Amino acid sequence: MDALAAYYGTKPIIYVARESYESIVGNDLSDCDLWYRSVYSVVPQSVDWTFRQYSNLRILDGYSGSERYIDMNVFNSALDDFKKYRIY
């Protein structure tokens, strides 16, 4: 993680599902933000997530991309905090 942070100038965001979080990530990467995929279950209260994918089968009016379904995600904080993730 240190090498990625040094190369990109920011800490990585770790994308996990329950299984990978429990078996690999856990609290070992607590200094990185988590993007937690929970489309079939709820996020355990003990997980401190920043982003959450809550659906992978959404159909949106007006969307005309090649995929029928799109992922839906939510950010677990305020808009000003979200703006900190922009990389120019």
Protein backbone atom coordinates (compact mmCIF):
# COMPACT_ATOMS: atom_id res chain seq x y z
CA MET A 1 0.00 0.00 0.00
CA ASP A 2 2.87 2.34 0.74
CA ALA A 3 4.29 1.82 -2.77
CA LEU A 4 0.89 2.60 -4.35
CA ALA A 5 0.46 5.68 -2.20
CA ALA A 6 3.94 6.90 -3.10
CA TYR A 7 3.40 6.32 -6.82
CA TYR A 8 -0.09 7.87 -7.08
CA GLY A 9 0.29 10.49 -4.37
CA THR A 10 -2.73 9.20 -2.45
CA LYS A 11 -3.70 6.12 -0.51
CA PRO A 12 -5.63 3.49 -2.45
CA ILE A 13 -9.30 2.75 -1.86
CA ILE A 14 -9.73 -0.97 -1.19
CA TYR A 15 -12.72 -2.63 -2.93
CA VAL A 16 -13.92 -5.64 -0.96
CA ALA A 17 -16.82 -8.03 -0.57
CA ARG A 18 -17.58 -9.73 2.74
CA GLU A 19 -15.40 -12.75 2.03
CA SER A 20 -12.31 -10.80 1.04
CA TYR A 21 -12.76 -8.36 3.89
CA GLU A 22 -13.01 -11.14 6.46
CA SER A 23 -10.21 -13.31 5.08
CA ILE A 24 -7.72 -10.75 3.76
CA VAL A 25 -8.37 -7.14 4.71
CA GLY A 26 -9.99 -7.00 8.13
CA ASN A 27 -8.32 -4.35 10.25
CA ASP A 28 -4.93 -4.81 8.58
CA LEU A 29 -5.61 -1.97 6.14
CA SER A 30 -7.52 0.31 8.46
CA ASP A 31 -5.58 3.33 7.20
CA CYS A 32 -7.14 2.89 3.71
CA ASP A 33 -10.70 3.73 2.78
CA LEU A 34 -12.99 0.81 1.95
CA TRP A 35 -15.36 0.44 -0.97
CA TYR A 36 -17.55 -2.35 0.38
CA ARG A 37 -19.63 -4.46 -2.00
CA SER A 38 -22.80 -5.64 -0.29
CA VAL A 39 -25.39 -6.31 -2.98
CA TYR A 40 -26.75 -9.47 -1.32
CA SER A 41 -26.32 -8.67 2.35
CA VAL A 42 -26.01 -5.79 4.79
CA VAL A 43 -22.67 -4.34 5.80
CA PRO A 44 -21.65 -5.47 9.29
CA GLN A 45 -21.75 -2.59 11.75
CA SER A 46 -18.11 -3.23 12.61
CA VAL A 47 -16.99 -2.32 9.07
CA ASP A 48 -15.95 1.30 8.64
CA TRP A 49 -16.76 1.81 4.94
CA THR A 50 -16.35 4.96 2.88
CA PHE A 51 -18.13 3.81 -0.28
CA ARG A 52 -20.70 1.04 -0.57
CA GLN A 53 -21.94 -0.77 -3.65
CA TYR A 54 -25.52 -1.72 -2.82
CA SER A 55 -26.72 -2.95 -6.21
CA ASN A 56 -25.29 -4.39 -9.39
CA LEU A 57 -28.60 -4.81 -11.22
CA ARG A 58 -30.04 -1.32 -11.44
CA ILE A 59 -31.73 -0.02 -14.56
CA LEU A 60 -31.87 3.76 -14.82
CA ASP A 61 -34.11 5.83 -17.03
CA GLY A 62 -32.01 7.81 -19.46
CA TYR A 63 -28.98 5.53 -19.27
CA SER A 64 -27.98 4.41 -22.74
CA GLY A 65 -24.69 2.56 -22.20
CA SER A 66 -23.89 -0.87 -23.57
CA GLU A 67 -24.55 -2.64 -20.25
CA ARG A 68 -28.15 -3.35 -19.32
CA TYR A 69 -27.49 -3.12 -15.59
CA ILE A 70 -25.28 -0.70 -13.72
CA ASP A 71 -23.77 -0.64 -10.25
CA MET A 72 -25.20 1.67 -7.63
CA ASN A 73 -23.00 3.09 -4.91
CA VAL A 74 -23.25 5.46 -1.99
CA PHE A 75 -20.70 7.63 -0.19
CA ASN A 76 -20.72 7.54 3.61
CA SER A 77 -20.10 11.21 4.34
CA ALA A 78 -20.78 14.77 3.22
CA LEU A 79 -20.30 16.34 -0.22
CA ASP A 80 -17.29 18.36 0.91
CA ASP A 81 -15.61 15.14 2.06
CA PHE A 82 -16.39 13.52 -1.30
CA LYS A 83 -14.70 16.36 -3.15
CA LYS A 84 -11.42 15.44 -1.46
CA TYR A 85 -11.30 12.32 -3.64
CA ARG A 86 -10.93 14.26 -6.88
CA ILE A 87 -7.57 13.76 -8.53
CA TYR A 88 -6.53 16.26 -11.14
